[in-house]
PDB file of N, CA and C in Angstrom:
ATOM      1  N   MET A   1    -189.330  34.428  -3.153  1.00  0.00           N
ATOM      2  CA  MET A   1    -189.584  32.695  -4.152  1.00  0.00           C
ATOM      3  C   MET A   1    -189.719  33.989  -5.890  1.00  0.00           C
ATOM      4  N   LYS A   2    -190.795  34.928  -5.577  1.00  0.00           N
ATOM      5  CA  LYS A   2    -190.117  34.770  -6.944  1.00  0.00           C
ATOM      6  C   LYS A   2    -188.822  35.903  -7.068  1.00  0.00           C
ATOM      7  N   LYS A   3    -188.465  36.322  -6.338  1.00  0.00           N
ATOM      8  CA  LYS A   3    -187.260  37.648  -6.771  1.00  0.00           C
ATOM      9  C   LYS A   3    -186.261  36.567  -7.443  1.00  0.00           C
ATOM     10  N   ILE A   4    -186.059  35.089  -6.620  1.00  0.00           N
ATOM     11  CA  ILE A   4    -185.689  34.116  -6.882  1.00  0.00           C
ATOM     12  C   ILE A   4    -185.142  33.066  -8.612  1.00  0.00           C
ATOM     13  N   LEU A   5    -187.116  33.348  -8.599  1.00  0.00           N
ATOM     14  CA  LEU A   5    -186.667  33.031 -10.021  1.00  0.00           C
ATOM     15  C   LEU A   5    -187.270  34.044 -11.219  1.00  0.00           C
ATOM     16  N   LYS A   6    -186.594  34.863 -10.586  1.00  0.00           N
ATOM     17  CA  LYS A   6    -186.937  36.271 -12.151  1.00  0.00           C
ATOM     18  C   LYS A   6    -185.319  36.507 -11.492  1.00  0.00           C
ATOM     19  N   THR A   7    -184.823  36.983 -11.138  1.00  0.00           N
ATOM     20  CA  THR A   7    -183.258  37.042 -10.600  1.00  0.00           C
ATOM     21  C   THR A   7    -182.380  35.550 -10.688  1.00  0.00           C
ATOM     22  N   SER A   8    -181.237  36.483 -11.528  1.00  0.00           N
ATOM     23  CA  SER A   8    -179.846  35.619 -10.829  1.00  0.00           C
ATOM     24  C   SER A   8    -179.193  35.497 -10.048  1.00  0.00           C
ATOM     25  N   TYR A   9    -179.224  34.676  -9.166  1.00  0.00           N
ATOM     26  CA  TYR A   9    -178.220  34.301  -7.919  1.00  0.00           C
ATOM     27  C   TYR A   9    -176.998  33.268  -7.667  1.00  0.00           C
ATOM     28  N   THR A  10    -176.316  33.569  -7.483  1.00  0.00           N
ATOM     29  CA  THR A  10    -175.220  32.769  -6.887  1.00  0.00           C
ATOM     30  C   THR A  10    -174.992  32.067  -6.343  1.00  0.00           C
ATOM     31  N   LEU A  11    -175.993  32.105  -4.665  1.00  0.00           N
ATOM     32  CA  LEU A  11    -175.868  31.532  -3.438  1.00  0.00           C
ATOM     33  C   LEU A  11    -177.867  32.444  -3.021  1.00  0.00           C
ATOM     34  N   ILE A  12    -178.414  31.250  -2.057  1.00  0.00           N
ATOM     35  CA  ILE A  12    -178.794  31.984  -1.503  1.00  0.00           C
ATOM     36  C   ILE A  12    -178.795  32.210   0.257  1.00  0.00           C
ATOM     37  N   ILE A  13    -179.001  32.895   0.690  1.00  0.00           N
ATOM     38  CA  ILE A  13    -179.740  32.348   2.354  1.00  0.00           C
ATOM     39  C   ILE A  13    -180.819  32.646   2.904  1.00  0.00           C
ATOM     40  N   LEU A  14    -180.687  31.556   3.585  1.00  0.00           N
ATOM     41  CA  LEU A  14    -182.259  31.374   4.421  1.00  0.00           C
ATOM     42  C   LEU A  14    -182.432  31.331   5.508  1.00  0.00           C
ATOM     43  N   ASP A  15    -183.005  32.227   6.603  1.00  0.00           N
ATOM     44  CA  ASP A  15    -183.328  31.727   7.544  1.00  0.00           C
ATOM     45  C   ASP A  15    -184.087  30.538   8.234  1.00  0.00           C
ATOM     46  N   VAL A  16    -183.994  29.923   8.837  1.00  0.00           N
ATOM     47  CA  VAL A  16    -184.627  28.988   9.197  1.00  0.00           C
ATOM     48  C   VAL A  16    -185.937  29.158   9.546  1.00  0.00           C
ATOM     49  N   GLN A  17    -185.905  29.919  10.284  1.00  0.00           N
ATOM     50  CA  GLN A  17    -187.709  30.294  11.054  1.00  0.00           C
ATOM     51  C   GLN A  17    -188.301  31.590   9.902  1.00  0.00           C
ATOM     52  N   MET A  18    -189.130  31.273   9.537  1.00  0.00           N
ATOM     53  CA  MET A  18    -190.367  32.516   8.305  1.00  0.00           C
ATOM     54  C   MET A  18    -191.610  32.495   8.891  1.00  0.00           C
ATOM     55  N   PRO A  19    -192.569  33.508   8.466  1.00  0.00           N
ATOM     56  CA  PRO A  19    -193.361  33.668   9.051  1.00  0.00           C
ATOM     57  C   PRO A  19    -193.882  32.639   8.158  1.00  0.00           C
ATOM     58  N   SER A  20    -194.227  32.932   7.270  1.00  0.00           N
ATOM     59  CA  SER A  20    -195.675  31.525   6.631  1.00  0.00           C
ATOM     60  C   SER A  20    -195.152  30.353   5.432  1.00  0.00           C
ATOM     61  N   MET A  21    -193.514  30.247   6.031  1.00  0.00           N
ATOM     62  CA  MET A  21    -192.982  28.968   5.346  1.00  0.00           C
ATOM     63  C   MET A  21    -191.323  29.333   5.969  1.00  0.00           C
ATOM     64  N   ASP A  22    -191.018  27.867   7.055  1.00  0.00           N
ATOM     65  CA  ASP A  22    -189.503  27.756   6.713  1.00  0.00           C
ATOM     66  C   ASP A  22    -188.735  27.907   5.896  1.00  0.00           C
ATOM     67  N   GLY A  23    -187.534  28.008   6.310  1.00  0.00           N
ATOM     68  CA  GLY A  23    -186.643  27.871   4.632  1.00  0.00           C
ATOM     69  C   GLY A  23    -186.667  27.372   4.684  1.00  0.00           C
ATOM     70  N   PHE A  24    -187.101  25.472   4.958  1.00  0.00           N
ATOM     71  CA  PHE A  24    -186.239  24.046   4.479  1.00  0.00           C
ATOM     72  C   PHE A  24    -187.681  24.234   3.319  1.00  0.00           C
ATOM     73  N   GLU A  25    -188.626  24.646   3.789  1.00  0.00           N
ATOM     74  CA  GLU A  25    -189.973  25.575   3.069  1.00  0.00           C
ATOM     75  C   GLU A  25    -189.503  25.263   2.100  1.00  0.00           C
ATOM     76  N   VAL A  26    -189.187  26.435   2.046  1.00  0.00           N
ATOM     77  CA  VAL A  26    -188.548  27.679   0.903  1.00  0.00           C
ATOM     78  C   VAL A  26    -187.400  26.661   0.135  1.00  0.00           C
ATOM     79  N   ALA A  27    -185.907  26.035   0.560  1.00  0.00           N
ATOM     80  CA  ALA A  27    -185.599  25.585  -0.393  1.00  0.00           C
ATOM     81  C   ALA A  27    -186.072  24.390  -1.087  1.00  0.00           C
ATOM     82  N   GLU A  28    -187.240  23.827  -0.379  1.00  0.00           N
ATOM     83  CA  GLU A  28    -187.886  22.410  -0.712  1.00  0.00           C
ATOM     84  C   GLU A  28    -188.710  22.772  -2.304  1.00  0.00           C
ATOM     85  N   ALA A  29    -189.005  24.141  -2.394  1.00  0.00           N
ATOM     86  CA  ALA A  29    -190.265  24.574  -3.625  1.00  0.00           C
ATOM     87  C   ALA A  29    -189.234  24.483  -3.992  1.00  0.00           C
ATOM     88  N   LEU A  30    -187.800  25.258  -4.043  1.00  0.00           N
ATOM     89  CA  LEU A  30    -187.077  25.796  -5.477  1.00  0.00           C
ATOM     90  C   LEU A  30    -186.276  24.572  -5.999  1.00  0.00           C
ATOM     91  N   SER A  31    -186.245  23.575  -4.959  1.00  0.00           N
ATOM     92  CA  SER A  31    -185.491  22.463  -5.891  1.00  0.00           C
ATOM     93  C   SER A  31    -186.544  21.891  -7.061  1.00  0.00           C
ATOM     94  N   GLY A  32    -187.128  22.509  -7.142  1.00  0.00           N
ATOM     95  CA  GLY A  32    -188.635  21.576  -8.215  1.00  0.00           C
ATOM     96  C   GLY A  32    -188.551  22.871  -9.519  1.00  0.00           C
ATOM     97  N   TYR A  33    -188.114  23.996  -8.959  1.00  0.00           N
ATOM     98  CA  TYR A  33    -187.605  24.845 -10.114  1.00  0.00           C
ATOM     99  C   TYR A  33    -186.211  24.618 -11.226  1.00  0.00           C
ATOM    100  N   SER A  34    -185.753  24.910 -12.241  1.00  0.00           N
ATOM    101  CA  SER A  34    -184.317  23.642 -13.078  1.00  0.00           C
ATOM    102  C   SER A  34    -183.745  25.368 -12.190  1.00  0.00           C
ATOM    103  N   LYS A  35    -184.247  26.870 -13.103  1.00  0.00           N
ATOM    104  CA  LYS A  35    -183.341  27.857 -12.040  1.00  0.00           C
ATOM    105  C   LYS A  35    -182.825  28.023 -11.490  1.00  0.00           C
ATOM    106  N   ALA A  36    -183.582  27.390 -10.328  1.00  0.00           N
ATOM    107  CA  ALA A  36    -182.705  27.512  -9.142  1.00  0.00           C
ATOM    108  C   ALA A  36    -182.235  26.226  -8.521  1.00  0.00           C
ATOM    109  N   ARG A  37    -182.683  25.397  -8.734  1.00  0.00           N
ATOM    110  CA  ARG A  37    -181.829  23.907  -8.327  1.00  0.00           C
ATOM    111  C   ARG A  37    -180.846  23.801  -8.292  1.00  0.00           C
ATOM    112  N   ASP A  38    -179.648  24.512  -9.028  1.00  0.00           N
ATOM    113  CA  ASP A  38    -178.194  24.017  -8.350  1.00  0.00           C
ATOM    114  C   ASP A  38    -177.742  25.404  -7.544  1.00  0.00           C
ATOM    115  N   ILE A  39    -178.226  26.586  -7.068  1.00  0.00           N
ATOM    116  CA  ILE A  39    -178.130  27.420  -6.325  1.00  0.00           C
ATOM    117  C   ILE A  39    -177.584  26.705  -5.124  1.00  0.00           C
ATOM    118  N   PRO A  40    -176.745  27.043  -4.135  1.00  0.00           N
ATOM    119  CA  PRO A  40    -176.087  26.388  -2.789  1.00  0.00           C
ATOM    120  C   PRO A  40    -176.572  27.410  -2.012  1.00  0.00           C
ATOM    121  N   ILE A  41    -177.101  26.546  -1.360  1.00  0.00           N
ATOM    122  CA  ILE A  41    -177.906  27.602  -0.414  1.00  0.00           C
ATOM    123  C   ILE A  41    -177.507  27.545   0.735  1.00  0.00           C
ATOM    124  N   ILE A  42    -177.502  28.499   1.698  1.00  0.00           N
ATOM    125  CA  ILE A  42    -177.177  28.222   3.771  1.00  0.00           C
ATOM    126  C   ILE A  42    -178.088  28.731   4.580  1.00  0.00           C
ATOM    127  N   PHE A  43    -178.001  27.734   5.639  1.00  0.00           N
ATOM    128  CA  PHE A  43    -179.769  28.480   5.878  1.00  0.00           C
ATOM    129  C   PHE A  43    -178.636  28.605   7.355  1.00  0.00           C
ATOM    130  N   LEU A  44    -179.218  29.710   8.086  1.00  0.00           N
ATOM    131  CA  LEU A  44    -177.988  30.603   8.548  1.00  0.00           C
ATOM    132  C   LEU A  44    -180.177  30.808   9.502  1.00  0.00           C
ATOM    133  N   SER A  45    -179.190  30.911  10.991  1.00  0.00           N
ATOM    134  CA  SER A  45    -180.760  30.676  12.429  1.00  0.00           C
ATOM    135  C   SER A  45    -179.661  30.679  13.571  1.00  0.00           C
ATOM    136  N   ALA A  46    -180.580  31.308  14.690  1.00  0.00           N
ATOM    137  CA  ALA A  46    -180.343  31.623  15.427  1.00  0.00           C
ATOM    138  C   ALA A  46    -181.410  31.288  16.669  1.00  0.00           C
ATOM    139  N   VAL A  47    -182.175  29.558  16.113  1.00  0.00           N
ATOM    140  CA  VAL A  47    -183.639  29.827  16.474  1.00  0.00           C
ATOM    141  C   VAL A  47    -183.226  28.484  17.431  1.00  0.00           C
ATOM    142  N   ASN A  48    -182.539  27.497  16.302  1.00  0.00           N
ATOM    143  CA  ASN A  48    -182.082  25.742  17.452  1.00  0.00           C
ATOM    144  C   ASN A  48    -181.049  25.707  17.024  1.00  0.00           C
ATOM    145  N   LYS A  49    -180.106  24.655  17.948  1.00  0.00           N
ATOM    146  CA  LYS A  49    -179.433  24.047  18.233  1.00  0.00           C
ATOM    147  C   LYS A  49    -179.847  22.515  17.919  1.00  0.00           C
ATOM    148  N   ASP A  50    -180.777  22.286  18.151  1.00  0.00           N
ATOM    149  CA  ASP A  50    -181.271  20.779  18.282  1.00  0.00           C
ATOM    150  C   ASP A  50    -180.567  19.958  16.497  1.00  0.00           C
ATOM    151  N   LYS A  51    -180.380  19.124  17.202  1.00  0.00           N
ATOM    152  CA  LYS A  51    -179.501  18.401  16.047  1.00  0.00           C
ATOM    153  C   LYS A  51    -180.628  18.515  14.753  1.00  0.00           C
ATOM    154  N   LYS A  52    -181.947  17.661  15.136  1.00  0.00           N
ATOM    155  CA  LYS A  52    -182.208  17.717  13.575  1.00  0.00           C
ATOM    156  C   LYS A  52    -182.188  18.911  13.322  1.00  0.00           C
ATOM    157  N   PHE A  53    -182.771  19.255  13.391  1.00  0.00           N
ATOM    158  CA  PHE A  53    -182.822  20.689  12.598  1.00  0.00           C
ATOM    159  C   PHE A  53    -180.686  21.236  12.370  1.00  0.00           C
ATOM    160  N   ILE A  54    -179.814  20.653  12.218  1.00  0.00           N
ATOM    161  CA  ILE A  54    -178.904  21.404  11.156  1.00  0.00           C
ATOM    162  C   ILE A  54    -178.493  19.923  10.502  1.00  0.00           C
ATOM    163  N   THR A  55    -179.266  18.380  11.265  1.00  0.00           N
ATOM    164  CA  THR A  55    -179.251  17.628   9.944  1.00  0.00           C
ATOM    165  C   THR A  55    -179.996  18.142   8.714  1.00  0.00           C
ATOM    166  N   ARG A  56    -181.481  18.521   9.181  1.00  0.00           N
ATOM    167  CA  ARG A  56    -182.046  18.273   8.062  1.00  0.00           C
ATOM    168  C   ARG A  56    -181.379  19.734   7.111  1.00  0.00           C
ATOM    169  N   GLY A  57    -180.670  20.067   7.198  1.00  0.00           N
ATOM    170  CA  GLY A  57    -180.244  21.474   6.608  1.00  0.00           C
ATOM    171  C   GLY A  57    -178.559  21.585   5.713  1.00  0.00           C
ATOM    172  N   THR A  58    -178.553  19.376   5.391  1.00  0.00           N
ATOM    173  CA  THR A  58    -177.089  18.999   4.701  1.00  0.00           C
ATOM    174  C   THR A  58    -177.470  18.073   4.219  1.00  0.00           C
ATOM    175  N   ILE A  59    -178.593  18.308   3.803  1.00  0.00           N
ATOM    176  CA  ILE A  59    -179.334  17.803   2.273  1.00  0.00           C
ATOM    177  C   ILE A  59    -177.213  17.811   1.314  1.00  0.00           C
ATOM    178  N   PRO A  60    -177.191  16.272   0.744  1.00  0.00           N
ATOM    179  CA  PRO A  60    -176.309  16.655  -0.353  1.00  0.00           C
ATOM    180  C   PRO A  60    -176.817  17.266  -1.720  1.00  0.00           C
ATOM    181  N   ALA A  61    -175.910  17.945  -2.523  1.00  0.00           N
ATOM    182  CA  ALA A  61    -176.099  18.346  -3.958  1.00  0.00           C
ATOM    183  C   ALA A  61    -176.914  16.900  -5.061  1.00  0.00           C
ATOM    184  N   GLY A  62    -177.136  17.598  -5.682  1.00  0.00           N
ATOM    185  CA  GLY A  62    -177.449  15.905  -6.494  1.00  0.00           C
ATOM    186  C   GLY A  62    -179.022  15.535  -7.265  1.00  0.00           C
TER     187      GLY A  62
END
């Protein structure tokens, strides 16, 4: 997260399953920072095909 706030990015690719925070938690935290709020995020994971994970990653922009 520190790198995202210090550097300009045009796209973020996040793994859903990470050790301390999952990708959804990181995305939610980033949405609170104006610098990172409008960066598109692609969630990537081989962990689970469960529909609840797929739909959780489809939060509309805005």
